[in-house]
């Protein structure tokens, strides 16, 4: 199992509230898991775009 790293993130109160609502509604164990899931989705989409040349670096 991969050890998780701890990072600090600043976000608006609105975004924090929405993520907490999603965590509760979808059964995530907490805000950290929602953020991790969202970042995995973001990176996966970015990687797919990069492979087809849609990302401009």
N, C-alpha and C. Protein backbone atom coordinates (compact mmCIF):
# COMPACT_ATOMS: atom_id res chain seq x y z
N UNK A 1 0.85 -1.19 0.00
CA UNK A 1 0.00 0.00 0.00
C UNK A 1 0.88 1.24 0.00
N UNK A 2 0.53 2.22 -0.82
CA UNK A 2 1.29 3.45 -0.92
C UNK A 2 0.96 4.37 0.24
N UNK A 3 2.01 4.90 0.84
CA UNK A 3 1.81 5.84 1.94
C UNK A 3 1.35 7.17 1.39
N UNK A 4 0.37 7.77 2.02
CA UNK A 4 -0.15 9.06 1.59
C UNK A 4 0.69 10.19 2.18
N UNK A 5 0.82 11.25 1.39
CA UNK A 5 1.52 12.45 1.83
C UNK A 5 0.50 13.45 2.36
N UNK A 6 0.92 14.30 3.25
CA UNK A 6 0.06 15.34 3.79
C UNK A 6 0.40 16.66 3.11
N UNK A 7 -0.62 17.33 2.58
CA UNK A 7 -0.46 18.65 1.97
C UNK A 7 -1.50 19.59 2.53
N UNK A 8 -1.22 20.85 2.44
CA UNK A 8 -2.16 21.87 2.92
C UNK A 8 -2.72 22.61 1.71
N UNK A 9 -4.03 22.84 1.70
CA UNK A 9 -4.69 23.50 0.58
C UNK A 9 -5.60 24.60 1.12
N UNK A 10 -5.58 25.74 0.44
CA UNK A 10 -6.51 26.82 0.77
C UNK A 10 -7.64 26.80 -0.24
N UNK A 11 -8.87 26.98 0.24
CA UNK A 11 -10.03 27.02 -0.66
C UNK A 11 -11.09 27.91 -0.06
N UNK A 12 -12.03 28.29 -0.88
CA UNK A 12 -13.11 29.16 -0.41
C UNK A 12 -14.02 28.40 0.55
N UNK A 13 -14.69 29.12 1.42
CA UNK A 13 -15.65 28.47 2.32
C UNK A 13 -16.75 27.74 1.54
N UNK A 14 -17.17 28.31 0.41
CA UNK A 14 -18.19 27.67 -0.41
C UNK A 14 -17.72 26.30 -0.91
N UNK A 15 -16.51 26.25 -1.46
CA UNK A 15 -15.98 24.99 -1.99
C UNK A 15 -15.83 23.95 -0.88
N UNK A 16 -15.33 24.37 0.26
CA UNK A 16 -15.18 23.45 1.40
C UNK A 16 -16.54 22.87 1.80
N UNK A 17 -17.54 23.74 1.88
CA UNK A 17 -18.89 23.28 2.25
C UNK A 17 -19.42 22.28 1.23
N UNK A 18 -19.27 22.58 -0.06
CA UNK A 18 -19.76 21.68 -1.10
C UNK A 18 -19.06 20.32 -1.05
N UNK A 19 -17.74 20.35 -0.85
CA UNK A 19 -17.00 19.08 -0.77
C UNK A 19 -17.42 18.27 0.45
N UNK A 20 -17.68 18.93 1.56
CA UNK A 20 -18.17 18.22 2.75
C UNK A 20 -19.54 17.60 2.49
N UNK A 21 -20.41 18.33 1.79
CA UNK A 21 -21.73 17.80 1.44
C UNK A 21 -21.60 16.57 0.54
N UNK A 22 -20.72 16.66 -0.43
CA UNK A 22 -20.50 15.53 -1.33
C UNK A 22 -19.95 14.33 -0.56
N UNK A 23 -19.01 14.59 0.33
CA UNK A 23 -18.42 13.50 1.13
C UNK A 23 -19.50 12.77 1.91
N UNK A 24 -20.37 13.53 2.54
CA UNK A 24 -21.43 12.92 3.35
C UNK A 24 -22.43 12.15 2.47
N UNK A 25 -22.85 12.79 1.39
CA UNK A 25 -23.86 12.19 0.52
C UNK A 25 -23.35 10.94 -0.20
N UNK A 26 -22.09 10.95 -0.61
CA UNK A 26 -21.53 9.85 -1.39
C UNK A 26 -20.80 8.80 -0.55
N UNK A 27 -20.71 9.00 0.76
CA UNK A 27 -20.13 7.99 1.63
C UNK A 27 -18.61 8.01 1.72
N UNK A 28 -18.00 9.13 1.36
CA UNK A 28 -16.55 9.24 1.55
C UNK A 28 -16.27 9.33 3.05
N UNK A 29 -15.07 8.91 3.44
CA UNK A 29 -14.74 8.94 4.87
C UNK A 29 -14.40 10.34 5.36
N UNK A 30 -14.16 11.26 4.44
CA UNK A 30 -13.87 12.63 4.85
C UNK A 30 -13.49 13.50 3.67
N UNK A 31 -13.23 14.74 3.98
CA UNK A 31 -12.87 15.73 2.97
C UNK A 31 -11.61 15.33 2.20
N UNK A 32 -10.66 14.77 2.89
CA UNK A 32 -9.41 14.34 2.25
C UNK A 32 -9.66 13.34 1.14
N UNK A 33 -10.56 12.39 1.36
CA UNK A 33 -10.85 11.39 0.34
C UNK A 33 -11.55 12.00 -0.87
N UNK A 34 -12.42 12.98 -0.64
CA UNK A 34 -13.09 13.66 -1.76
C UNK A 34 -12.06 14.41 -2.60
N UNK A 35 -11.17 15.13 -1.94
CA UNK A 35 -10.15 15.89 -2.65
C UNK A 35 -9.22 14.94 -3.41
N UNK A 36 -8.81 13.85 -2.80
CA UNK A 36 -7.96 12.88 -3.48
C UNK A 36 -8.65 12.32 -4.72
N UNK A 37 -9.92 11.96 -4.59
CA UNK A 37 -10.68 11.44 -5.72
C UNK A 37 -10.76 12.48 -6.84
N UNK A 38 -11.06 13.72 -6.48
CA UNK A 38 -11.17 14.79 -7.47
C UNK A 38 -9.85 15.01 -8.19
N UNK A 39 -8.75 14.96 -7.47
CA UNK A 39 -7.45 15.15 -8.09
C UNK A 39 -7.06 13.99 -8.99
N UNK A 40 -7.43 12.78 -8.61
CA UNK A 40 -7.19 11.62 -9.47
C UNK A 40 -7.94 11.79 -10.78
N UNK A 41 -9.20 12.22 -10.70
CA UNK A 41 -9.99 12.46 -11.91
C UNK A 41 -9.36 13.55 -12.77
N UNK A 42 -8.92 14.63 -12.15
CA UNK A 42 -8.30 15.74 -12.87
C UNK A 42 -7.03 15.29 -13.60
N UNK A 43 -6.17 14.59 -12.90
CA UNK A 43 -4.92 14.13 -13.48
C UNK A 43 -5.17 13.12 -14.60
N UNK A 44 -6.14 12.24 -14.43
CA UNK A 44 -6.48 11.27 -15.47
C UNK A 44 -6.96 11.97 -16.74
N UNK A 45 -7.82 12.96 -16.59
CA UNK A 45 -8.30 13.71 -17.75
C UNK A 45 -7.16 14.48 -18.41
N UNK A 46 -6.31 15.07 -17.62
CA UNK A 46 -5.16 15.80 -18.14
C UNK A 46 -4.25 14.87 -18.92
N UNK A 47 -3.97 13.70 -18.35
CA UNK A 47 -3.10 12.72 -19.02
C UNK A 47 -3.68 12.28 -20.36
N UNK A 48 -5.01 12.05 -20.40
CA UNK A 48 -5.65 11.66 -21.66
C UNK A 48 -5.51 12.76 -22.71
N UNK A 49 -5.73 14.00 -22.30
CA UNK A 49 -5.59 15.13 -23.23
C UNK A 49 -4.15 15.27 -23.70
N UNK A 50 -3.22 15.05 -22.80
CA UNK A 50 -1.80 15.17 -23.14
C UNK A 50 -1.41 14.13 -24.19
N UNK A 51 -1.96 12.93 -24.07
CA UNK A 51 -1.63 11.85 -25.01
C UNK A 51 -2.11 12.15 -26.42
N UNK A 52 -3.23 12.87 -26.54
CA UNK A 52 -3.75 13.17 -27.88
C UNK A 52 -3.32 14.57 -28.35
N UNK A 53 -2.47 15.22 -27.59
CA UNK A 53 -1.91 16.49 -28.00
C UNK A 53 -2.80 17.70 -27.76
N UNK A 54 -3.80 17.58 -26.90
CA UNK A 54 -4.69 18.70 -26.61
C UNK A 54 -4.14 19.63 -25.54
N UNK A 55 -3.11 19.20 -24.82
CA UNK A 55 -2.56 20.01 -23.75
C UNK A 55 -1.37 20.79 -24.30
N UNK A 56 -1.41 22.09 -24.02
CA UNK A 56 -0.30 22.94 -24.43
C UNK A 56 0.57 23.23 -23.21
N UNK A 57 1.77 22.71 -23.21
CA UNK A 57 2.68 22.90 -22.08
C UNK A 57 3.55 24.11 -22.27
